[in-house]
Amino acid sequence: MSQVPPIKKWLTFVTGVLECLLFGGLIFGWASLVIVLKGENFFSCSSVVNGQENGLSNSSANTTATPIIFSNETRFTTLSPKNSSDADSCAAPENKCPYQDEQLSLVFTIASACLSFMALPNGILYDKFGTRKTRIAASVMYAIAMLMTAFTTVASSEVLFASMCIMAASGGYLLITNMQIGNLFGDKRSTVITLVNGAFDSSSFVFLVVLKIYEGGVSFKAIFLFYSVATSLLLLRSLFLLPNKQFPWPLPQDYNYGICRAKNTRLPGADVELNHNHDAGELQQEALMSNGNAQQNEEEEEEVSTPELYYPTFMKGLKSGMFYTHIFWFSVIQLRNYFFMGTFNPWMTKLAEDNESSCDTVIRYTEAFAITQLFGVLCAPMNGLIMDMYRNYVTKKMVQDKQAGIESAYTKASLDLRSCVVAFSLTTFLGVLFSICVVIPILPIQYLSFVLQVILRSFLYGGNATFFAVGYPPRHFGKMFGADMFIGGVVSCFQYPLFILTQEVFQKNPMPVNIILLVLTALTIIHPVYLYFHCKWLDRQYRENGPQTVKKPRKMEDENLLVVDQVSTI
């Protein structure tokens, strides 16, 4: 058992969830933020001209161009910010500016792709330099992104490309460092990882709050200045509630973390650099010994874990068949999700065309969509619980078969991956249901699509992170997870060409593209099917060859207990 104080462990968990909720995936709240950006007149045709001629800025203008969303194009009238409710009247439009919709869609496309692109370098830096140093850098970059957004003017709308990308990438790094919290909770590890991912997904609700505050009269600049100051909380948490390197797995005895951790009794020279070719459990057994329990230079045999046996190097992990099928599964469902968010405003507008007040309808559905995002933090643990429960079921079945003297259909070689098969199959099923709801052009049905989208996204990202935590050696987690997100980001860039295809080729009707994505989503069942047969192969290899062991020397130390508090695993 670890010696981490329970209150500290739970404080780390709660603050980690709150951090992901309030700072992590803000870019997913784009459907709400885009209304604020349109209200500030960013990228709109006449506002750019006025800004160039009159030096208009979003912080000094006395009026705000409030967007009127109608017939798939952005139209606007000039209204007082203190009387923005006049927008609900959907007065006659003065101008049309499809250019604004295209540019704002491009900002979201690039920013969401950047979130994925930066996962690979973030993972490499995380594995190399540890948690504290890289989180400090990420916190500073997050503050810079908020300051850039706050001081962006109408004439310098292009700055949003940079600020949104930095914000998205920094938020993604916060997720990577918080997923390791699961190592503090033993057999509830999968549940904690998926809950952290759910909080990350639910952070999209923050921009709904920003929208409401903005409508209440608080300036755009003041909102983002406040958020830049709030990033100081990220620095404090990095120092006091997270380790310098990474949380080890399994957790050693007498382990503690943070700059205020209790001092441990150490031997001279005990601050050793751990060998990355060791399993965390092996390191624990080597490092944690007391006097009289072993003889000098005694050797012991220890079983090699399945990930260590088949994927000892990063390149072997990249070349594995289950990595390829996982990339297809993750990239397609993520593209399905991103395309829905990126085209949400035009899609809702088209469905609301026949309503008497299309503007009110679009705003109502936008708010409903944003509110449902908050429940992602409640949906995410469902996936982790399913995985943990199935793993416990298989474990009990193995014990019962052994006691009955019969050969079990399962072995511990495939124990963790079998739980992923169940989770990924369910995720694919949810993705198909969600895609079916989206292609049905009936507005009230979209409420169901909102709910399914939240559950789908929670299952997608939670299951994705858990797969790399259990399927590959812990020391490669950052790099493997980063490579997965990077490739997924490349695929997600197709959402912008799909948007242009929808607008120009299909006359602003996303139905054909949604049907294509429905078919691709159904094909992602390939991944859990492949994993199922891969698990059967692992079980067969385990029965034929038996457990693979290695001999590890155990060196006798003096009377003191050697405690290693920095292990380079997730």
Foldseek 3Di string as FASTA:
>chain_A
DAPAPPVLLVVLLVVLLVCLQAQAQQLLLLLLVLQVCVQLVAQFDVVLVCCVVPVAWSVPDQWTFGWQFAQLWTFTDIDGLQPNVVSLVSPDGDDTGNRSLLVSLVLSLLQLLLLQQLLQVLLVCQLVFAQQVVLVVLLLLLLVLLQQQLPATNNRSVSSSVSSNSSSNSSSSSLVQSLLSLLVPPLLSLLSNLLSLLSNQLSSLVSVVVSVVSSNPDGPNVVSNVVSVVSVVSNVCSAANAARHGQAPNHAYHADGHPPDDDADADVVLQDDDDPLDASVVVNVQQFDFPPPDDAFDKDKDFDALQCVQPVDLVSVCPDPLLVLLLLLLLLLVLLLSLCSSCVQLLQNVLQNPPPRSSVSSVVVSSLLSVLSNCSSVLRSVLSVQLSVQLVVLVVQCVVCVVVVHDDLADPNCSNLLSLLVLSLVLLVLSLVLLVLSLPSHNVSVSVNSNSSSNSSSSSVSSLLSCLCPNHRQSCSSNSSSVSSNSSSVSSSCSSVLCVCCVPVVVVDSNVVSVVSSVSSNVSNVSSVVSVVVNSVSRVCCVVPNTDIDMDTRHDDPRGTRDHHHDSGD
